[in-house]
Amino acid sequence: MPGEHLRPGPADAVAAAEEFLLSLPAPWTPWPQTARSLALTLAAAAQARGWTLGAALREQLTGRPHGIRSHPAVLSARIRQLPYRPPPTRCGACGAPGSLVHANGQSPRPLCVPCATSPAGPPSVDPAAQAAAVRSAIRTDRRALRR
């Protein structure tokens, strides 16, 4: 089908994994043919276990270098044995991932720094909106008491 090659897919993930492997610091940098052979395994394992090709994965694969005799063999084993990584926690107010705080006990849900530090908006003059806010606050307090 025309234009099918433009859609990102498994081939792009494998190419990105190969590039990631080739960017590892020495002595972990594999030969190009080794990187090609490990790229498919890395792309599949990272996607299945919640990893992105970034600093955290680089640290997971290249950490604890002492006493290693064959870096390619260890790298291959670490790729095959990648642990599962939980999804990032999101802000309870806006849903953004990142650095979260607990808003000084004001909310049982974690909040991102902008949501935790921004002042609350003016109260609504709509009676239905006020009633909904009160019901939400009561539900939140009940959930906090159950914990």
N, C-alpha and C. Protein backbone atom coordinates (compact mmCIF):
# COMPACT_ATOMS: atom_id res chain seq x y z
N MET A 1 0.85 -1.17 0.00
CA MET A 1 0.00 0.00 0.00
C MET A 1 0.89 1.24 0.00
N PRO A 2 0.62 2.24 -0.83
CA PRO A 2 1.47 3.43 -0.88
C PRO A 2 1.44 4.19 0.45
N GLY A 3 2.61 4.64 0.87
CA GLY A 3 2.71 5.43 2.10
C GLY A 3 2.74 4.60 3.37
N GLU A 4 2.68 3.28 3.25
CA GLU A 4 2.66 2.43 4.43
C GLU A 4 3.97 2.52 5.21
N HIS A 5 5.06 2.72 4.51
CA HIS A 5 6.36 2.79 5.16
C HIS A 5 6.50 4.05 6.02
N LEU A 6 5.58 5.00 5.91
CA LEU A 6 5.67 6.24 6.69
C LEU A 6 5.13 6.07 8.10
N ARG A 7 4.30 5.02 8.32
CA ARG A 7 3.74 4.81 9.65
C ARG A 7 4.81 4.25 10.58
N PRO A 8 4.91 4.80 11.81
CA PRO A 8 5.86 4.23 12.75
C PRO A 8 5.40 2.84 13.15
N GLY A 9 6.31 1.95 13.29
CA GLY A 9 5.95 0.59 13.64
C GLY A 9 7.12 -0.14 14.24
N PRO A 10 7.05 -1.47 14.24
CA PRO A 10 8.11 -2.27 14.85
C PRO A 10 9.49 -2.00 14.25
N ALA A 11 9.56 -1.74 12.95
CA ALA A 11 10.86 -1.49 12.33
C ALA A 11 11.50 -0.23 12.90
N ASP A 12 10.68 0.80 13.16
CA ASP A 12 11.20 2.03 13.76
C ASP A 12 11.67 1.78 15.19
N ALA A 13 10.95 0.96 15.93
CA ALA A 13 11.34 0.64 17.30
C ALA A 13 12.66 -0.13 17.32
N VAL A 14 12.82 -1.05 16.38
CA VAL A 14 14.06 -1.82 16.30
C VAL A 14 15.23 -0.91 15.91
N ALA A 15 15.00 0.00 14.97
CA ALA A 15 16.06 0.93 14.58
C ALA A 15 16.44 1.84 15.74
N ALA A 16 15.45 2.30 16.51
CA ALA A 16 15.73 3.15 17.68
C ALA A 16 16.49 2.35 18.74
N ALA A 17 16.13 1.08 18.92
CA ALA A 17 16.83 0.24 19.89
C ALA A 17 18.27 0.01 19.47
N GLU A 18 18.49 -0.19 18.17
CA GLU A 18 19.86 -0.38 17.68
C GLU A 18 20.69 0.89 17.91
N GLU A 19 20.10 2.04 17.61
CA GLU A 19 20.80 3.30 17.85
C GLU A 19 21.09 3.50 19.33
N PHE A 20 20.13 3.13 20.18
CA PHE A 20 20.32 3.23 21.64
C PHE A 20 21.48 2.35 22.07
N LEU A 21 21.53 1.12 21.59
CA LEU A 21 22.61 0.21 21.96
C LEU A 21 23.97 0.74 21.52
N LEU A 22 24.02 1.32 20.32
CA LEU A 22 25.29 1.86 19.83
C LEU A 22 25.72 3.11 20.58
N SER A 23 24.79 3.74 21.32
CA SER A 23 25.13 4.94 22.08
C SER A 23 25.53 4.63 23.52
N LEU A 24 25.52 3.35 23.90
CA LEU A 24 25.92 3.00 25.27
C LEU A 24 27.39 3.34 25.49
N PRO A 25 27.77 3.69 26.72
CA PRO A 25 29.16 4.06 26.98
C PRO A 25 30.08 2.84 26.91
N ALA A 26 31.33 3.10 26.58
CA ALA A 26 32.34 2.03 26.56
C ALA A 26 32.52 1.54 27.98
N PRO A 27 32.75 0.35 28.22
CA PRO A 27 32.96 -0.82 27.36
C PRO A 27 31.67 -1.54 26.96
N TRP A 28 30.53 -0.93 27.20
CA TRP A 28 29.24 -1.55 26.91
C TRP A 28 28.82 -1.41 25.44
N THR A 29 29.45 -0.52 24.68
CA THR A 29 29.07 -0.30 23.30
C THR A 29 29.31 -1.58 22.50
N PRO A 30 28.25 -2.18 21.96
CA PRO A 30 28.46 -3.43 21.21
C PRO A 30 28.94 -3.14 19.78
N TRP A 31 29.49 -4.16 19.14
CA TRP A 31 29.82 -4.05 17.73
C TRP A 31 28.51 -3.85 16.96
N PRO A 32 28.55 -3.22 15.79
CA PRO A 32 27.32 -2.98 15.03
C PRO A 32 26.49 -4.23 14.75
N GLN A 33 27.14 -5.35 14.40
CA GLN A 33 26.38 -6.56 14.13
C GLN A 33 25.74 -7.12 15.41
N THR A 34 26.41 -6.96 16.55
CA THR A 34 25.84 -7.39 17.82
C THR A 34 24.65 -6.50 18.18
N ALA A 35 24.80 -5.19 17.96
CA ALA A 35 23.70 -4.27 18.23
C ALA A 35 22.49 -4.60 17.37
N ARG A 36 22.73 -4.94 16.10
CA ARG A 36 21.64 -5.32 15.20
C ARG A 36 20.91 -6.56 15.72
N SER A 37 21.67 -7.53 16.20
CA SER A 37 21.05 -8.78 16.65
C SER A 37 20.32 -8.60 17.98
N LEU A 38 20.78 -7.68 18.83
CA LEU A 38 20.12 -7.45 20.12
C LEU A 38 18.98 -6.44 20.04
N ALA A 39 18.92 -5.66 18.97
CA ALA A 39 17.93 -4.58 18.87
C ALA A 39 16.50 -5.09 18.89
N LEU A 40 16.21 -6.16 18.20
CA LEU A 40 14.86 -6.71 18.17
C LEU A 40 14.44 -7.18 19.57
N THR A 41 15.35 -7.85 20.26
CA THR A 41 15.06 -8.32 21.62
C THR A 41 14.85 -7.15 22.55
N LEU A 42 15.69 -6.13 22.45
CA LEU A 42 15.56 -4.96 23.31
C LEU A 42 14.25 -4.21 23.04
N ALA A 43 13.92 -4.01 21.78
CA ALA A 43 12.68 -3.30 21.45
C ALA A 43 11.47 -4.03 22.00
N ALA A 44 11.43 -5.35 21.85
CA ALA A 44 10.30 -6.13 22.35
C ALA A 44 10.25 -6.14 23.87
N ALA A 45 11.40 -6.34 24.51
CA ALA A 45 11.43 -6.41 25.98
C ALA A 45 11.10 -5.07 26.61
N ALA A 46 11.63 -4.00 26.07
CA ALA A 46 11.37 -2.66 26.62
C ALA A 46 9.90 -2.31 26.49
N GLN A 47 9.30 -2.60 25.34
CA GLN A 47 7.89 -2.28 25.13
C GLN A 47 7.01 -3.13 26.03
N ALA A 48 7.31 -4.41 26.17
CA ALA A 48 6.49 -5.32 26.96
C ALA A 48 6.60 -5.06 28.46
N ARG A 49 7.72 -4.51 28.89
CA ARG A 49 7.95 -4.35 30.33
C ARG A 49 7.91 -2.91 30.81
N GLY A 50 7.50 -1.98 29.94
CA GLY A 50 7.27 -0.61 30.37
C GLY A 50 8.49 0.30 30.39
N TRP A 51 9.53 -0.01 29.66
CA TRP A 51 10.73 0.82 29.62
C TRP A 51 10.72 1.71 28.38
N THR A 52 11.32 2.87 28.50
CA THR A 52 11.58 3.72 27.34
C THR A 52 13.08 3.74 27.12
N LEU A 53 13.49 4.04 25.90
CA LEU A 53 14.92 4.08 25.58
C LEU A 53 15.49 5.39 26.09
N GLY A 54 15.88 5.41 27.36
CA GLY A 54 16.38 6.63 27.97
C GLY A 54 17.41 6.33 29.05
N ALA A 55 17.60 7.31 29.91
CA ALA A 55 18.64 7.23 30.94
C ALA A 55 18.38 6.10 31.94
N ALA A 56 17.13 5.88 32.31
CA ALA A 56 16.84 4.83 33.29
C ALA A 56 17.19 3.45 32.72
N LEU A 57 16.86 3.22 31.47
CA LEU A 57 17.20 1.94 30.84
C LEU A 57 18.71 1.81 30.67
N ARG A 58 19.35 2.90 30.31
CA ARG A 58 20.81 2.88 30.16
C ARG A 58 21.46 2.49 31.49
N GLU A 59 20.97 3.04 32.59
CA GLU A 59 21.51 2.72 33.91
C GLU A 59 21.22 1.25 34.26
N GLN A 60 20.03 0.78 33.92
CA GLN A 60 19.65 -0.61 34.21
C GLN A 60 20.57 -1.59 33.46
N LEU A 61 20.91 -1.27 32.24
CA LEU A 61 21.72 -2.18 31.42
C LEU A 61 23.21 -2.08 31.71
N THR A 62 23.70 -0.91 32.10
CA THR A 62 25.15 -0.73 32.24
C THR A 62 25.61 -0.59 33.68
N GLY A 63 24.71 -0.63 34.64
CA GLY A 63 25.09 -0.47 36.05
C GLY A 63 25.84 -1.69 36.57
N ARG A 64 26.45 -1.55 37.71
CA ARG A 64 27.20 -2.62 38.37
C ARG A 64 28.22 -3.27 37.44
N PRO A 65 29.20 -2.50 36.95
CA PRO A 65 30.14 -3.03 35.96
C PRO A 65 31.30 -3.84 36.53
N HIS A 66 31.42 -3.94 37.84
CA HIS A 66 32.60 -4.55 38.44
C HIS A 66 32.61 -6.07 38.25
N GLY A 67 33.76 -6.59 37.87
CA GLY A 67 33.95 -8.03 37.74
C GLY A 67 33.40 -8.63 36.47
N ILE A 68 33.00 -7.85 35.52
CA ILE A 68 32.44 -8.38 34.27
C ILE A 68 33.57 -8.64 33.29
N ARG A 69 33.56 -9.84 32.72
CA ARG A 69 34.60 -10.20 31.74
C ARG A 69 34.10 -10.04 30.32
N SER A 70 32.83 -10.33 30.08
CA SER A 70 32.28 -10.25 28.73
C SER A 70 31.08 -9.31 28.74
N HIS A 71 31.32 -8.06 28.41
CA HIS A 71 30.24 -7.08 28.41
C HIS A 71 29.12 -7.42 27.43
N PRO A 72 29.42 -7.91 26.22
CA PRO A 72 28.32 -8.26 25.31
C PRO A 72 27.42 -9.37 25.88
N ALA A 73 28.00 -10.36 26.54
CA ALA A 73 27.20 -11.45 27.11
C ALA A 73 26.33 -10.94 28.25
N VAL A 74 26.89 -10.08 29.09
CA VAL A 74 26.13 -9.52 30.21
C VAL A 74 25.04 -8.60 29.69
N LEU A 75 25.35 -7.80 28.69
CA LEU A 75 24.35 -6.91 28.10
C LEU A 75 23.19 -7.72 27.52
N SER A 76 23.49 -8.79 26.82
CA SER A 76 22.46 -9.65 26.26
C SER A 76 21.59 -10.26 27.36
N ALA A 77 22.21 -10.73 28.42
CA ALA A 77 21.46 -11.32 29.53
C ALA A 77 20.59 -10.27 30.23
N ARG A 78 21.12 -9.07 30.42
CA ARG A 78 20.34 -8.02 31.07
C ARG A 78 19.15 -7.59 30.22
N ILE A 79 19.30 -7.59 28.92
CA ILE A 79 18.18 -7.25 28.04
C ILE A 79 17.09 -8.31 28.16
N ARG A 80 17.49 -9.57 28.15
CA ARG A 80 16.51 -10.66 28.24
C ARG A 80 15.84 -10.72 29.61
N GLN A 81 16.50 -10.21 30.65
CA GLN A 81 15.97 -10.29 32.00
C GLN A 81 15.51 -8.93 32.53
N LEU A 82 15.12 -8.04 31.65
CA LEU A 82 14.65 -6.72 32.10
C LEU A 82 13.47 -6.89 33.05
N PRO A 83 13.51 -6.24 34.21
CA PRO A 83 12.37 -6.34 35.12
C PRO A 83 11.20 -5.48 34.62
N TYR A 84 10.02 -5.78 35.11
CA TYR A 84 8.86 -4.97 34.77
C TYR A 84 8.97 -3.64 35.48
N ARG A 85 8.55 -2.60 34.81
CA ARG A 85 8.62 -1.26 35.38
C ARG A 85 7.19 -0.72 35.49
N PRO A 86 6.79 -0.31 36.70
CA PRO A 86 5.42 0.19 36.84
C PRO A 86 5.24 1.48 36.06
N PRO A 87 4.03 1.74 35.58
CA PRO A 87 3.79 2.99 34.85
C PRO A 87 3.99 4.18 35.78
N PRO A 88 4.38 5.33 35.23
CA PRO A 88 4.61 6.49 36.08
C PRO A 88 3.31 6.95 36.75
N THR A 89 3.42 7.41 37.97
CA THR A 89 2.27 7.93 38.69
C THR A 89 1.90 9.27 38.09
N ARG A 90 0.61 9.53 38.01
CA ARG A 90 0.12 10.77 37.41
C ARG A 90 -0.53 11.65 38.47
N CYS A 91 -0.57 12.93 38.18
CA CYS A 91 -1.18 13.91 39.07
C CYS A 91 -2.67 13.60 39.22
N GLY A 92 -3.17 13.69 40.43
CA GLY A 92 -4.58 13.44 40.69
C GLY A 92 -5.50 14.53 40.19
N ALA A 93 -4.96 15.72 39.92
CA ALA A 93 -5.81 16.83 39.46
C ALA A 93 -5.78 16.98 37.93
N CYS A 94 -4.59 17.04 37.36
CA CYS A 94 -4.50 17.32 35.92
C CYS A 94 -4.07 16.11 35.10
N GLY A 95 -3.56 15.05 35.74
CA GLY A 95 -3.18 13.84 35.03
C GLY A 95 -1.78 13.86 34.45
N ALA A 96 -1.00 14.88 34.72
CA ALA A 96 0.35 14.98 34.17
C ALA A 96 1.30 14.05 34.93
N PRO A 97 2.22 13.36 34.20
CA PRO A 97 3.23 12.56 34.89
C PRO A 97 4.34 13.48 35.38
N GLY A 98 5.15 12.98 36.27
CA GLY A 98 6.30 13.76 36.69
C GLY A 98 6.47 13.80 38.19
N SER A 99 7.10 14.84 38.66
CA SER A 99 7.39 15.00 40.07
C SER A 99 6.10 15.30 40.82
N LEU A 100 5.79 14.45 41.78
CA LEU A 100 4.53 14.60 42.51
C LEU A 100 4.78 14.86 43.98
N VAL A 101 3.87 15.60 44.59
CA VAL A 101 3.91 15.89 46.02
C VAL A 101 2.55 15.53 46.59
N HIS A 102 2.41 15.56 47.91
CA HIS A 102 1.14 15.21 48.53
C HIS A 102 0.39 16.43 49.05
N ALA A 103 0.72 17.60 48.60
CA ALA A 103 -0.01 18.84 48.86
C ALA A 103 -0.23 19.10 50.35
N ASN A 104 0.77 18.86 51.16
CA ASN A 104 0.72 19.17 52.59
C ASN A 104 -0.50 18.57 53.28
N GLY A 105 -0.88 17.37 52.91
CA GLY A 105 -2.00 16.71 53.56
C GLY A 105 -3.36 17.22 53.15
N GLN A 106 -3.44 18.18 52.24
CA GLN A 106 -4.72 18.72 51.83
C GLN A 106 -5.47 17.75 50.93
N SER A 107 -4.76 16.86 50.25
CA SER A 107 -5.39 15.95 49.32
C SER A 107 -4.76 14.57 49.49
N PRO A 108 -5.58 13.50 49.51
CA PRO A 108 -4.99 12.17 49.61
C PRO A 108 -4.37 11.71 48.30
N ARG A 109 -4.69 12.40 47.20
CA ARG A 109 -4.14 12.05 45.89
C ARG A 109 -2.84 12.82 45.68
N PRO A 110 -1.83 12.20 45.05
CA PRO A 110 -0.61 12.96 44.74
C PRO A 110 -0.90 14.00 43.67
N LEU A 111 -0.27 15.16 43.81
CA LEU A 111 -0.46 16.25 42.87
C LEU A 111 0.89 16.67 42.31
N CYS A 112 0.88 17.20 41.08
CA CYS A 112 2.11 17.74 40.52
C CYS A 112 2.39 19.09 41.21
N VAL A 113 3.59 19.56 41.10
CA VAL A 113 3.98 20.80 41.79
C VAL A 113 3.11 21.98 41.35
N PRO A 114 2.84 22.19 40.05
CA PRO A 114 1.97 23.32 39.68
C PRO A 114 0.57 23.24 40.31
N CYS A 115 -0.02 22.04 40.33
CA CYS A 115 -1.36 21.90 40.91
C CYS A 115 -1.33 22.09 42.42
N ALA A 116 -0.26 21.64 43.07
CA ALA A 116 -0.17 21.75 44.52
C ALA A 116 0.11 23.18 44.97
N THR A 117 0.77 23.96 44.13
CA THR A 117 1.14 25.31 44.55
C THR A 117 0.23 26.40 44.00
N SER A 118 -0.64 26.05 43.05
CA SER A 118 -1.52 27.08 42.50
C SER A 118 -2.67 27.34 43.48
N PRO A 119 -3.05 28.59 43.62
CA PRO A 119 -4.16 28.88 44.53
C PRO A 119 -5.47 28.35 43.95
N ALA A 120 -6.37 28.01 44.83
CA ALA A 120 -7.67 27.51 44.39
C ALA A 120 -8.43 28.66 43.72
N GLY A 121 -9.19 28.31 42.70
CA GLY A 121 -9.98 29.31 42.00
C GLY A 121 -11.12 29.82 42.86
N PRO A 122 -11.77 30.88 42.42
CA PRO A 122 -12.88 31.42 43.22
C PRO A 122 -14.03 30.41 43.24
N PRO A 123 -14.77 30.37 44.33
CA PRO A 123 -15.88 29.43 44.39
C PRO A 123 -16.93 29.78 43.34
N SER A 124 -17.58 28.75 42.87
CA SER A 124 -18.60 28.92 41.85
C SER A 124 -19.87 29.50 42.47
N VAL A 125 -20.58 30.32 41.70
CA VAL A 125 -21.84 30.88 42.18
C VAL A 125 -23.02 30.00 41.76
N ASP A 126 -22.74 28.99 40.94
CA ASP A 126 -23.78 28.07 40.50
C ASP A 126 -24.08 27.09 41.64
N PRO A 127 -25.33 27.02 42.14
CA PRO A 127 -25.66 26.12 43.24
C PRO A 127 -25.38 24.65 42.92
N ALA A 128 -25.60 24.23 41.68
CA ALA A 128 -25.33 22.84 41.31
C ALA A 128 -23.84 22.53 41.39
N ALA A 129 -23.01 23.47 40.95
CA ALA A 129 -21.56 23.28 41.01
C ALA A 129 -21.09 23.26 42.46
N GLN A 130 -21.67 24.11 43.30
CA GLN A 130 -21.32 24.11 44.73
C GLN A 130 -21.69 22.77 45.37
N ALA A 131 -22.87 22.26 45.05
CA ALA A 131 -23.29 20.98 45.61
C ALA A 131 -22.37 19.85 45.15
N ALA A 132 -21.97 19.89 43.89
CA ALA A 132 -21.05 18.87 43.37
C ALA A 132 -19.70 18.95 44.07
N ALA A 133 -19.22 20.16 44.34
CA ALA A 133 -17.94 20.32 45.04
C ALA A 133 -18.03 19.78 46.46
N VAL A 134 -19.16 20.03 47.14
CA VAL A 134 -19.34 19.53 48.50
C VAL A 134 -19.39 18.00 48.49
N ARG A 135 -20.13 17.41 47.55
CA ARG A 135 -20.21 15.95 47.47
C ARG A 135 -18.83 15.35 47.19
N SER A 136 -18.08 15.98 46.33
CA SER A 136 -16.73 15.50 46.02
C SER A 136 -15.83 15.56 47.25
N ALA A 137 -15.92 16.64 48.00
CA ALA A 137 -15.10 16.77 49.22
C ALA A 137 -15.49 15.72 50.25
N ILE A 138 -16.79 15.45 50.38
CA ILE A 138 -17.24 14.44 51.34
C ILE A 138 -16.73 13.06 50.92
N ARG A 139 -16.83 12.72 49.63
CA ARG A 139 -16.33 11.44 49.14
C ARG A 139 -14.84 11.30 49.38
N THR A 140 -14.10 12.37 49.14
CA THR A 140 -12.65 12.35 49.34
C THR A 140 -12.33 12.10 50.81
N ASP A 141 -13.04 12.77 51.71
CA ASP A 141 -12.80 12.58 53.15
C ASP A 141 -13.14 11.15 53.57
N ARG A 142 -14.21 10.59 53.05
CA ARG A 142 -14.58 9.21 53.39
C ARG A 142 -13.53 8.23 52.92
N ARG A 143 -13.01 8.44 51.72
CA ARG A 143 -11.97 7.56 51.21
C ARG A 143 -10.72 7.66 52.06
N ALA A 144 -10.39 8.86 52.49
CA ALA A 144 -9.20 9.06 53.32
C ALA A 144 -9.37 8.35 54.67
N LEU A 145 -10.57 8.36 55.23
CA LEU A 145 -10.82 7.70 56.51
C LEU A 145 -10.73 6.18 56.39
N ARG A 146 -11.08 5.63 55.25
CA ARG A 146 -11.03 4.17 55.07
C ARG A 146 -9.62 3.65 55.02
N ARG A 147 -8.67 4.46 54.67
CA ARG A 147 -7.28 4.00 54.52
C ARG A 147 -6.61 3.83 55.82
